[in-house]
């Protein structure tokens, strides 16, 4: 899936766990990066976040099916906010990079 140079690819990884579907979504250009917020750090580890390149529709479908999701990056988090999965006030900032978690209970 081709992306323009200024729009990062979205990477989606889905894993079935004993507690349900775990989805990780990140802006592809953040893979392998580490960010900080005070004494807390966030590593966009390829082992956890690397996945298939996905369009916005695919990401939305994954978030709709998941039990838990972890999202990193402006594009990934904004998409989840836009479609009502994440509330803006629950988004964390790490060195200008957005991070959010979703848990359906």
Protein backbone atom coordinates (compact mmCIF):
# COMPACT_ATOMS: atom_id res chain seq x y z
CA UNK A 1 0.00 0.00 0.00
CA UNK A 2 1.67 3.23 -1.12
CA UNK A 3 1.71 6.25 1.15
CA UNK A 4 2.75 9.76 0.26
CA UNK A 5 6.05 10.88 1.76
CA UNK A 6 4.41 13.17 4.32
CA UNK A 7 1.79 10.65 5.55
CA UNK A 8 3.16 7.78 7.64
CA UNK A 9 1.95 4.28 6.93
CA UNK A 10 -0.25 2.76 9.61
CA UNK A 11 0.96 -0.58 10.97
CA UNK A 12 -1.54 -2.95 12.56
CA UNK A 13 -0.76 -6.09 14.52
CA UNK A 14 -3.55 -8.35 15.80
CA UNK A 15 -2.98 -11.11 18.37
CA UNK A 16 -5.48 -13.47 19.91
CA UNK A 17 -4.93 -13.75 23.66
CA UNK A 18 -6.79 -15.67 26.37
CA UNK A 19 -8.53 -12.37 27.20
CA UNK A 20 -9.51 -11.50 23.62
CA UNK A 21 -8.10 -9.71 20.60
CA UNK A 22 -5.13 -7.41 21.30
CA UNK A 23 -4.49 -4.83 18.58
CA UNK A 24 -1.47 -2.57 18.27
CA UNK A 25 -1.47 0.33 15.82
CA UNK A 26 1.34 2.76 15.15
CA UNK A 27 2.51 5.32 12.66
CA UNK A 28 5.08 3.32 10.72
CA UNK A 29 7.76 5.99 10.89
CA UNK A 30 7.88 5.60 14.71
CA UNK A 31 8.80 1.92 14.73
CA UNK A 32 11.90 1.37 16.87
CA UNK A 33 11.79 4.86 18.42
CA UNK A 34 11.76 5.66 22.14
CA UNK A 35 9.97 8.62 23.72
CA UNK A 36 9.82 10.08 27.22
CA UNK A 37 7.40 11.99 29.40
CA UNK A 38 9.05 12.86 32.69
CA UNK A 39 10.23 9.60 34.25
CA UNK A 40 8.06 7.43 31.98
CA UNK A 41 9.28 6.15 28.63
CA UNK A 42 7.53 4.57 25.67
CA UNK A 43 9.35 2.28 23.25
CA UNK A 44 7.68 1.58 19.93
CA UNK A 45 9.14 -1.90 19.84
CA UNK A 46 9.03 -3.76 16.52
CA UNK A 47 8.24 -6.98 18.43
CA UNK A 48 4.98 -5.45 19.63
CA UNK A 49 4.00 -2.80 17.07
CA UNK A 50 5.33 -4.08 13.74
CA UNK A 51 2.55 -5.45 11.62
CA UNK A 52 0.84 -5.17 8.30
CA UNK A 53 0.50 -1.84 6.54
CA UNK A 54 -3.17 -0.95 6.72
CA UNK A 55 -5.52 1.68 5.39
CA UNK A 56 -7.77 3.64 7.74
CA UNK A 57 -10.75 1.34 7.11
CA UNK A 58 -8.75 -1.71 8.19
CA UNK A 59 -7.55 0.04 11.36
CA UNK A 60 -11.11 1.05 12.26
CA UNK A 61 -12.34 -2.52 11.70
CA UNK A 62 -9.56 -3.89 13.94
CA UNK A 63 -10.38 -1.40 16.71
CA UNK A 64 -14.06 -2.31 16.47
CA UNK A 65 -13.25 -6.03 17.00
CA UNK A 66 -10.55 -5.72 19.65
CA UNK A 67 -10.74 -6.24 23.39
CA UNK A 68 -7.62 -4.15 24.02
CA UNK A 69 -5.61 -1.80 21.81
CA UNK A 70 -2.40 0.21 22.08
CA UNK A 71 -1.93 3.12 19.70
CA UNK A 72 1.15 5.26 19.07
CA UNK A 73 1.55 8.21 16.74
CA UNK A 74 -0.41 11.23 15.70
CA UNK A 75 -2.11 9.58 12.73
CA UNK A 76 -3.06 6.38 14.60
CA UNK A 77 -4.37 8.17 17.69
CA UNK A 78 -6.22 10.87 15.74
CA UNK A 79 -7.98 8.20 13.67
CA UNK A 80 -9.14 6.45 16.86
CA UNK A 81 -10.38 9.77 18.27
CA UNK A 82 -12.15 10.69 15.03
CA UNK A 83 -14.09 7.41 15.09
CA UNK A 84 -15.00 7.55 18.77
CA UNK A 85 -12.70 4.83 20.11
CA UNK A 86 -10.54 7.18 22.21
CA UNK A 87 -11.41 10.38 24.08
CA UNK A 88 -8.97 13.25 23.52
CA UNK A 89 -8.57 13.82 27.27
CA UNK A 90 -7.21 10.26 27.66
CA UNK A 91 -4.33 10.72 25.20
CA UNK A 92 -0.80 10.89 26.59
CA UNK A 93 2.02 12.93 25.09
CA UNK A 94 5.56 11.52 24.91
CA UNK A 95 8.02 14.02 23.42
CA UNK A 96 5.29 15.24 21.03
CA UNK A 97 4.23 11.71 20.10
CA UNK A 98 0.69 10.66 20.98
CA UNK A 99 -0.14 7.43 22.82
CA UNK A 100 -3.45 5.93 23.87
CA UNK A 101 -4.79 2.65 25.13
CA UNK A 102 -8.25 1.19 24.60
CA UNK A 103 -9.89 -1.41 26.81
CA UNK A 104 -13.43 -2.67 26.28
CA UNK A 105 -14.95 -3.99 29.52
